[in-house]
Amino acid sequence: MSEWFQPSDHRILVVDDDPNIVDLIRLYLENKGYRVVCAYSGTDGLARLEQGDVHLIILDILMPDMDGWTLCQRVREQGDIPILMVTAKGEGSDKLKGFGLGADDYLVKPFDPNELVARATSLLRRTYHARIDVPPKTELRFGRLRIDTAGHTVTADGRPVDLTAREYQLLRIFVQNPNRILSRQQLLDLVWGIDYMGEDRVVDVFVKRVRQKLGPGDEDWAIVTVRGLGYKFETKG
């Protein structure tokens, strides 16, 4: 692990109504040097989150007072803290729902605690320690779409577009590779990192979210689905 990444610099919130699962996760995370705070319900988790100083949330879905879906949505309304869902609900539709609500990764119970620690570490490194080179050109223009790569701001038709960190990174990869087909695997490697171990369909969910926030493309640009191959940021010039 690189010297610039120190587990002790990160505080992880574990939210699950099963004390045995919470204790297991806490034990493995603390053994790696992470600081851990525990919550046993969605309401308790939200209260602890509002106290601040949380860098990652490990979240169960099936909880009695506030389920993981609701808590995930509430977290996303407040910010971009990475979320790793750990749940017995392993159906594809459940995973897509989780990604659609803003989860960053998904692990199905029963799980290997060492894999959970590896995924948590991967999320933290990608979110807080990614070293992204800023291109010399700080403003990219495609008709009415503007991307300021220095300020990480986006406007469409003159209105600011509120993108999460990962949505912005996905758009940045697209606009820096105009008219080039990018496969799901390439996008996973470039945006989520080569150590990402989750579902590749998360790319489809995030592309859909970026399209919805940007609005429909125009004669100058469009995010195009290339069936069987991936996606392409199509533009003139």
C-alpha atoms as a PDB file:
ATOM      1  CA  MET A   1       0.000   0.000   0.000  1.00  0.00           C
ATOM      2  CA  SER A   2       1.402   3.424  -0.922  1.00  0.00           C
ATOM      3  CA  GLU A   3       2.778   5.628   1.855  1.00  0.00           C
ATOM      4  CA  TRP A   4       0.345   8.391   0.910  1.00  0.00           C
ATOM      5  CA  PHE A   5      -2.614   6.173   1.873  1.00  0.00           C
ATOM      6  CA  GLN A   6      -2.993   5.629   5.598  1.00  0.00           C
ATOM      7  CA  PRO A   7      -6.025   3.652   6.870  1.00  0.00           C
ATOM      8  CA  SER A   8      -5.893   5.535  10.171  1.00  0.00           C
ATOM      9  CA  ASP A   9      -6.769   8.727   8.271  1.00  0.00           C
ATOM     10  CA  HIS A  10     -10.180   7.274   7.390  1.00  0.00           C
ATOM     11  CA  ARG A  11     -13.298   6.748   9.479  1.00  0.00           C
ATOM     12  CA  ILE A  12     -15.798   4.138   8.287  1.00  0.00           C
ATOM     13  CA  LEU A  13     -19.453   3.990   9.335  1.00  0.00           C
ATOM     14  CA  VAL A  14     -20.911   0.457   9.465  1.00  0.00           C
ATOM     15  CA  VAL A  15     -24.727   0.298   9.460  1.00  0.00           C
ATOM     16  CA  ASP A  16     -26.392  -3.106  10.000  1.00  0.00           C
ATOM     17  CA  ASP A  17     -29.057  -4.340  12.420  1.00  0.00           C
ATOM     18  CA  ASP A  18     -27.172  -7.612  13.014  1.00  0.00           C
ATOM     19  CA  PRO A  19     -24.653  -7.038  15.850  1.00  0.00           C
ATOM     20  CA  ASN A  20     -22.638 -10.107  14.832  1.00  0.00           C
ATOM     21  CA  ILE A  21     -22.142  -8.768  11.302  1.00  0.00           C
ATOM     22  CA  VAL A  22     -21.227  -5.325  12.653  1.00  0.00           C
ATOM     23  CA  ASP A  23     -18.679  -6.805  15.059  1.00  0.00           C
ATOM     24  CA  LEU A  24     -17.146  -8.952  12.310  1.00  0.00           C
ATOM     25  CA  ILE A  25     -16.751  -6.005   9.930  1.00  0.00           C
ATOM     26  CA  ARG A  26     -15.438  -3.741  12.693  1.00  0.00           C
ATOM     27  CA  LEU A  27     -12.843  -6.346  13.761  1.00  0.00           C
ATOM     28  CA  TYR A  28     -11.412  -6.760  10.262  1.00  0.00           C
ATOM     29  CA  LEU A  29     -11.393  -3.029   9.496  1.00  0.00           C
ATOM     30  CA  GLU A  30      -9.753  -2.076  12.788  1.00  0.00           C
ATOM     31  CA  ASN A  31      -7.186  -4.821  12.272  1.00  0.00           C
ATOM     32  CA  LYS A  32      -6.135  -2.948   9.113  1.00  0.00           C
ATOM     33  CA  GLY A  33      -5.897   0.333  10.976  1.00  0.00           C
ATOM     34  CA  TYR A  34      -9.226   1.961  10.053  1.00  0.00           C
ATOM     35  CA  ARG A  35     -11.278   3.967  12.538  1.00  0.00           C
ATOM     36  CA  VAL A  36     -14.784   2.489  12.762  1.00  0.00           C
ATOM     37  CA  VAL A  37     -18.091   3.784  14.088  1.00  0.00           C
ATOM     38  CA  CYS A  38     -21.087   1.451  14.271  1.00  0.00           C
ATOM     39  CA  ALA A  39     -24.842   1.936  13.911  1.00  0.00           C
ATOM     40  CA  TYR A  40     -27.569  -0.696  14.251  1.00  0.00           C
ATOM     41  CA  SER A  41     -30.388   0.992  12.346  1.00  0.00           C
ATOM     42  CA  GLY A  42     -30.834   3.346   9.439  1.00  0.00           C
ATOM     43  CA  THR A  43     -31.989   6.149  11.729  1.00  0.00           C
ATOM     44  CA  ASP A  44     -28.977   5.688  14.007  1.00  0.00           C
ATOM     45  CA  GLY A  45     -26.702   5.596  10.964  1.00  0.00           C
ATOM     46  CA  LEU A  46     -28.076   8.883   9.653  1.00  0.00           C
ATOM     47  CA  ALA A  47     -27.627  10.503  13.064  1.00  0.00           C
ATOM     48  CA  ARG A  48     -24.013   9.352  13.292  1.00  0.00           C
ATOM     49  CA  LEU A  49     -23.347  10.507   9.747  1.00  0.00           C
ATOM     50  CA  GLU A  50     -24.591  13.984  10.597  1.00  0.00           C
ATOM     51  CA  GLN A  51     -21.896  14.172  13.285  1.00  0.00           C
ATOM     52  CA  GLY A  52     -19.366  14.355  10.449  1.00  0.00           C
ATOM     53  CA  ASP A  53     -15.893  12.867   9.865  1.00  0.00           C
ATOM     54  CA  VAL A  54     -17.109   9.818   7.913  1.00  0.00           C
ATOM     55  CA  HIS A  55     -15.226   8.822   4.758  1.00  0.00           C
ATOM     56  CA  LEU A  56     -17.043   5.597   3.777  1.00  0.00           C
ATOM     57  CA  ILE A  57     -20.356   3.923   4.635  1.00  0.00           C
ATOM     58  CA  ILE A  58     -20.808   0.144   4.712  1.00  0.00           C
ATOM     59  CA  LEU A  59     -24.560  -0.308   4.554  1.00  0.00           C
ATOM     60  CA  ASP A  60     -27.046  -3.158   4.922  1.00  0.00           C
ATOM     61  CA  ILE A  61     -30.402  -2.994   3.099  1.00  0.00           C
ATOM     62  CA  LEU A  62     -32.870  -4.912   5.271  1.00  0.00           C
ATOM     63  CA  MET A  63     -33.293  -2.891   8.465  1.00  0.00           C
ATOM     64  CA  PRO A  64     -36.545  -2.331  10.402  1.00  0.00           C
ATOM     65  CA  ASP A  65     -36.897   1.431  10.898  1.00  0.00           C
ATOM     66  CA  MET A  66     -35.160   2.897   7.839  1.00  0.00           C
ATOM     67  CA  ASP A  67     -33.969   0.500   5.147  1.00  0.00           C
ATOM     68  CA  GLY A  68     -30.689   0.804   3.293  1.00  0.00           C
ATOM     69  CA  TRP A  69     -32.369   2.077   0.132  1.00  0.00           C
ATOM     70  CA  THR A  70     -33.761   5.079   1.998  1.00  0.00           C
ATOM     71  CA  LEU A  71     -30.542   5.784   3.865  1.00  0.00           C
ATOM     72  CA  CYS A  72     -28.523   5.550   0.651  1.00  0.00           C
ATOM     73  CA  GLN A  73     -30.840   8.078  -0.978  1.00  0.00           C
ATOM     74  CA  ARG A  74     -30.619  10.416   2.030  1.00  0.00           C
ATOM     75  CA  VAL A  75     -26.818  10.222   1.971  1.00  0.00           C
ATOM     76  CA  ARG A  76     -26.723  11.066  -1.739  1.00  0.00           C
ATOM     77  CA  GLU A  77     -28.917  14.105  -1.154  1.00  0.00           C
ATOM     78  CA  GLN A  78     -26.229  15.419   1.192  1.00  0.00           C
ATOM     79  CA  GLY A  79     -22.997  14.560  -0.603  1.00  0.00           C
ATOM     80  CA  ASP A  80     -20.687  12.088  -2.304  1.00  0.00           C
ATOM     81  CA  ILE A  81     -19.475   9.863   0.554  1.00  0.00           C
ATOM     82  CA  PRO A  82     -18.742   6.454  -1.029  1.00  0.00           C
ATOM     83  CA  ILE A  83     -21.220   3.702  -0.130  1.00  0.00           C
ATOM     84  CA  LEU A  84     -20.539  -0.040  -0.086  1.00  0.00           C
ATOM     85  CA  MET A  85     -23.763  -2.035   0.232  1.00  0.00           C
ATOM     86  CA  VAL A  86     -23.431  -5.382   2.014  1.00  0.00           C
ATOM     87  CA  THR A  87     -26.647  -7.375   1.892  1.00  0.00           C
ATOM     88  CA  ALA A  88     -28.312 -10.731   1.435  1.00  0.00           C
ATOM     89  CA  LYS A  89     -30.332  -9.301  -1.486  1.00  0.00           C
ATOM     90  CA  GLY A  90     -28.141 -10.414  -4.376  1.00  0.00           C
ATOM     91  CA  GLU A  91     -30.551 -10.331  -7.311  1.00  0.00           C
ATOM     92  CA  GLY A  92     -29.475  -8.303 -10.334  1.00  0.00           C
ATOM     93  CA  SER A  93     -32.443  -5.950  -9.975  1.00  0.00           C
ATOM     94  CA  ASP A  94     -31.453  -5.176  -6.380  1.00  0.00           C
ATOM     95  CA  LYS A  95     -27.894  -4.362  -7.431  1.00  0.00           C
ATOM     96  CA  LEU A  96     -29.087  -2.056 -10.172  1.00  0.00           C
ATOM     97  CA  LYS A  97     -31.467  -0.350  -7.736  1.00  0.00           C
ATOM     98  CA  GLY A  98     -28.585   0.199  -5.334  1.00  0.00           C
ATOM     99  CA  PHE A  99     -26.365   1.669  -8.063  1.00  0.00           C
ATOM    100  CA  GLY A 100     -29.260   3.794  -9.267  1.00  0.00           C
ATOM    101  CA  LEU A 101     -29.668   5.291  -5.789  1.00  0.00           C
ATOM    102  CA  GLY A 102     -25.973   6.117  -5.652  1.00  0.00           C
ATOM    103  CA  ALA A 103     -24.189   3.089  -4.163  1.00  0.00           C
ATOM    104  CA  ASP A 104     -20.594   2.733  -5.347  1.00  0.00           C
ATOM    105  CA  ASP A 105     -20.142  -1.003  -4.805  1.00  0.00           C
ATOM    106  CA  TYR A 106     -22.194  -4.032  -3.747  1.00  0.00           C
ATOM    107  CA  LEU A 107     -21.188  -7.151  -1.810  1.00  0.00           C
ATOM    108  CA  VAL A 108     -23.553 -10.068  -1.189  1.00  0.00           C
ATOM    109  CA  LYS A 109     -23.779 -11.959   2.114  1.00  0.00           C
ATOM    110  CA  PRO A 110     -22.225 -14.289   3.079  1.00  0.00           C
ATOM    111  CA  PHE A 111     -18.991 -12.504   2.214  1.00  0.00           C
ATOM    112  CA  ASP A 112     -15.263 -12.911   2.768  1.00  0.00           C
ATOM    113  CA  PRO A 113     -14.265 -10.226   5.307  1.00  0.00           C
ATOM    114  CA  ASN A 114     -10.912  -9.822   3.564  1.00  0.00           C
ATOM    115  CA  GLU A 115     -12.704  -9.036   0.299  1.00  0.00           C
ATOM    116  CA  LEU A 116     -14.837  -6.467   2.101  1.00  0.00           C
ATOM    117  CA  VAL A 117     -11.701  -4.758   3.448  1.00  0.00           C
ATOM    118  CA  ALA A 118     -10.155  -4.829  -0.038  1.00  0.00           C
ATOM    119  CA  ARG A 119     -13.246  -3.233  -1.594  1.00  0.00           C
ATOM    120  CA  ALA A 120     -13.462  -0.606   1.155  1.00  0.00           C
ATOM    121  CA  THR A 121      -9.796   0.258   0.635  1.00  0.00           C
ATOM    122  CA  SER A 122     -10.298   0.459  -3.123  1.00  0.00           C
ATOM    123  CA  LEU A 123     -13.243   2.844  -2.730  1.00  0.00           C
ATOM    124  CA  LEU A 124     -11.325   5.081  -0.332  1.00  0.00           C
ATOM    125  CA  ARG A 125      -8.249   5.216  -2.536  1.00  0.00           C
ATOM    126  CA  ARG A 126     -10.247   6.022  -5.670  1.00  0.00           C
ATOM    127  CA  THR A 127     -12.386   8.636  -3.937  1.00  0.00           C
ATOM    128  CA  TYR A 128      -9.812  10.517  -1.890  1.00  0.00           C
ATOM    129  CA  HIS A 129      -6.417   9.650  -3.318  1.00  0.00           C
ATOM    130  CA  ALA A 130      -6.869   9.334  -7.088  1.00  0.00           C
ATOM    131  CA  ARG A 131      -4.153  11.156  -8.981  1.00  0.00           C
ATOM    132  CA  ILE A 132      -5.796  12.574 -12.048  1.00  0.00           C
ATOM    133  CA  ASP A 133      -3.777  14.645 -14.490  1.00  0.00           C
ATOM    134  CA  VAL A 134      -5.542  17.874 -15.414  1.00  0.00           C
ATOM    135  CA  PRO A 135      -5.277  18.521 -19.156  1.00  0.00           C
ATOM    136  CA  PRO A 136      -3.590  21.765 -20.242  1.00  0.00           C
ATOM    137  CA  LYS A 137      -6.874  23.033 -21.676  1.00  0.00           C
ATOM    138  CA  THR A 138      -8.992  23.915 -18.656  1.00  0.00           C
ATOM    139  CA  GLU A 139     -12.288  24.580 -20.469  1.00  0.00           C
ATOM    140  CA  LEU A 140     -13.798  22.198 -22.961  1.00  0.00           C
ATOM    141  CA  ARG A 141     -16.688  23.417 -25.122  1.00  0.00           C
ATOM    142  CA  PHE A 142     -19.152  21.396 -27.155  1.00  0.00           C
ATOM    143  CA  GLY A 143     -21.896  23.698 -28.339  1.00  0.00           C
ATOM    144  CA  ARG A 144     -23.885  24.678 -25.265  1.00  0.00           C
ATOM    145  CA  LEU A 145     -22.001  22.197 -23.053  1.00  0.00           C
ATOM    146  CA  ARG A 146     -19.094  23.603 -21.015  1.00  0.00           C
ATOM    147  CA  ILE A 147     -16.696  21.597 -18.821  1.00  0.00           C
ATOM    148  CA  ASP A 148     -14.212  23.472 -16.636  1.00  0.00           C
ATOM    149  CA  THR A 149     -11.574  20.841 -15.816  1.00  0.00           C
ATOM    150  CA  ALA A 150      -9.745  23.113 -13.389  1.00  0.00           C
ATOM    151  CA  GLY A 151     -12.821  23.988 -11.341  1.00  0.00           C
ATOM    152  CA  HIS A 152     -14.616  20.663 -11.947  1.00  0.00           C
ATOM    153  CA  THR A 153     -17.776  22.498 -12.980  1.00  0.00           C
ATOM    154  CA  VAL A 154     -20.199  21.731 -15.803  1.00  0.00           C
ATOM    155  CA  THR A 155     -22.858  23.891 -17.433  1.00  0.00           C
ATOM    156  CA  ALA A 156     -25.421  22.954 -20.094  1.00  0.00           C
ATOM    157  CA  ASP A 157     -27.473  25.619 -21.848  1.00  0.00           C
ATOM    158  CA  GLY A 158     -26.067  28.090 -19.339  1.00  0.00           C
ATOM    159  CA  ARG A 159     -27.345  26.210 -16.282  1.00  0.00           C
ATOM    160  CA  PRO A 160     -25.000  24.574 -13.750  1.00  0.00           C
ATOM    161  CA  VAL A 161     -25.117  20.764 -13.743  1.00  0.00           C
ATOM    162  CA  ASP A 162     -24.742  19.144 -10.323  1.00  0.00           C
ATOM    163  CA  LEU A 163     -22.686  15.975 -10.880  1.00  0.00           C
ATOM    164  CA  THR A 164     -21.284  13.673  -8.227  1.00  0.00           C
ATOM    165  CA  ALA A 165     -17.527  13.117  -8.247  1.00  0.00           C
ATOM    166  CA  ARG A 166     -17.844   9.854 -10.164  1.00  0.00           C
ATOM    167  CA  GLU A 167     -20.403  11.231 -12.625  1.00  0.00           C
ATOM    168  CA  TYR A 168     -18.035  14.121 -13.351  1.00  0.00           C
ATOM    169  CA  GLN A 169     -15.107  11.748 -13.824  1.00  0.00           C
ATOM    170  CA  LEU A 170     -17.151   9.657 -16.271  1.00  0.00           C
ATOM    171  CA  LEU A 171     -18.063  12.750 -18.281  1.00  0.00           C
ATOM    172  CA  ARG A 172     -14.447  13.912 -18.239  1.00  0.00           C
ATOM    173  CA  ILE A 173     -13.281  10.598 -19.697  1.00  0.00           C
ATOM    174  CA  PHE A 174     -15.887  10.906 -22.449  1.00  0.00           C
ATOM    175  CA  VAL A 175     -15.028  14.464 -23.464  1.00  0.00           C
ATOM    176  CA  GLN A 176     -11.304  13.766 -23.435  1.00  0.00           C
ATOM    177  CA  ASN A 177     -11.891  10.879 -25.847  1.00  0.00           C
ATOM    178  CA  PRO A 178     -14.305  12.370 -28.409  1.00  0.00           C
ATOM    179  CA  ASN A 179     -15.692  10.085 -31.140  1.00  0.00           C
ATOM    180  CA  ARG A 180     -13.937   7.080 -29.623  1.00  0.00           C
ATOM    181  CA  ILE A 181     -15.862   3.982 -28.590  1.00  0.00           C
ATOM    182  CA  LEU A 182     -15.173   3.103 -24.957  1.00  0.00           C
ATOM    183  CA  SER A 183     -16.191  -0.330 -23.707  1.00  0.00           C
ATOM    184  CA  ARG A 184     -17.726  -0.906 -20.292  1.00  0.00           C
ATOM    185  CA  GLN A 185     -14.459  -2.485 -19.129  1.00  0.00           C
ATOM    186  CA  GLN A 186     -12.426   0.503 -20.295  1.00  0.00           C
ATOM    187  CA  LEU A 187     -14.781   2.860 -18.471  1.00  0.00           C
ATOM    188  CA  LEU A 188     -14.622   0.715 -15.339  1.00  0.00           C
ATOM    189  CA  ASP A 189     -10.816   0.790 -15.427  1.00  0.00           C
ATOM    190  CA  LEU A 190     -10.648   4.540 -16.057  1.00  0.00           C
ATOM    191  CA  VAL A 191     -13.390   5.691 -13.674  1.00  0.00           C
ATOM    192  CA  TRP A 192     -13.707   2.988 -10.993  1.00  0.00           C
ATOM    193  CA  GLY A 193     -10.125   1.711 -11.156  1.00  0.00           C
ATOM    194  CA  ILE A 194      -8.538  -1.515 -12.361  1.00  0.00           C
ATOM    195  CA  ASP A 195      -9.062  -3.079  -8.925  1.00  0.00           C
ATOM    196  CA  TYR A 196     -12.853  -2.632  -9.082  1.00  0.00           C
ATOM    197  CA  MET A 197     -14.553  -5.957  -8.369  1.00  0.00           C
ATOM    198  CA  GLY A 198     -18.232  -5.081  -8.736  1.00  0.00           C
ATOM    199  CA  GLU A 199     -20.809  -5.314 -11.521  1.00  0.00           C
ATOM    200  CA  ASP A 200     -19.940  -3.873 -14.930  1.00  0.00           C
ATOM    201  CA  ARG A 201     -23.585  -2.814 -15.363  1.00  0.00           C
ATOM    202  CA  VAL A 202     -22.881   0.031 -12.947  1.00  0.00           C
ATOM    203  CA  VAL A 203     -21.506   1.826 -16.033  1.00  0.00           C
ATOM    204  CA  ASP A 204     -24.966   1.765 -17.659  1.00  0.00           C
ATOM    205  CA  VAL A 205     -26.539   3.246 -14.537  1.00  0.00           C
ATOM    206  CA  PHE A 206     -24.025   6.088 -14.325  1.00  0.00           C
ATOM    207  CA  VAL A 207     -24.226   6.867 -18.047  1.00  0.00           C
ATOM    208  CA  LYS A 208     -28.010   7.115 -17.675  1.00  0.00           C
ATOM    209  CA  ARG A 209     -27.636   9.475 -14.704  1.00  0.00           C
ATOM    210  CA  VAL A 210     -25.174  11.718 -16.563  1.00  0.00           C
ATOM    211  CA  ARG A 211     -27.503  11.862 -19.583  1.00  0.00           C
ATOM    212  CA  GLN A 212     -30.459  12.783 -17.381  1.00  0.00           C
ATOM    213  CA  LYS A 213     -28.547  15.581 -15.679  1.00  0.00           C
ATOM    214  CA  LEU A 214     -27.054  17.020 -18.882  1.00  0.00           C
ATOM    215  CA  GLY A 215     -30.299  16.835 -20.796  1.00  0.00           C
ATOM    216  CA  PRO A 216     -30.560  15.687 -24.416  1.00  0.00           C
ATOM    217  CA  GLY A 217     -27.567  16.247 -26.649  1.00  0.00           C
ATOM    218  CA  ASP A 218     -27.726  18.561 -29.635  1.00  0.00           C
ATOM    219  CA  GLU A 219     -26.109  18.951 -33.045  1.00  0.00           C
ATOM    220  CA  ASP A 220     -22.730  19.509 -31.344  1.00  0.00           C
ATOM    221  CA  TRP A 221     -22.546  16.534 -28.990  1.00  0.00           C
ATOM    222  CA  ALA A 222     -24.265  13.401 -27.722  1.00  0.00           C
ATOM    223  CA  ILE A 223     -23.433  10.408 -25.541  1.00  0.00           C
ATOM    224  CA  VAL A 224     -24.202   7.555 -27.906  1.00  0.00           C
ATOM    225  CA  THR A 225     -24.747   3.875 -27.094  1.00  0.00           C
ATOM    226  CA  VAL A 226     -22.859   1.643 -29.525  1.00  0.00           C
ATOM    227  CA  ARG A 227     -24.715  -1.634 -29.240  1.00  0.00           C
ATOM    228  CA  GLY A 228     -22.513  -4.551 -28.256  1.00  0.00           C
ATOM    229  CA  LEU A 229     -19.429  -2.345 -27.922  1.00  0.00           C
ATOM    230  CA  GLY A 230     -19.949   0.410 -25.355  1.00  0.00           C
ATOM    231  CA  TYR A 231     -20.422   4.162 -25.452  1.00  0.00           C
ATOM    232  CA  LYS A 232     -19.097   7.098 -27.447  1.00  0.00           C
ATOM    233  CA  PHE A 233     -19.052  10.850 -26.900  1.00  0.00           C
ATOM    234  CA  GLU A 234     -19.985  11.947 -30.408  1.00  0.00           C
ATOM    235  CA  THR A 235     -19.083  15.483 -31.394  1.00  0.00           C
ATOM    236  CA  LYS A 236     -18.203  17.623 -34.386  1.00  0.00           C
ATOM    237  CA  GLY A 237     -14.579  18.423 -35.118  1.00  0.00           C
END
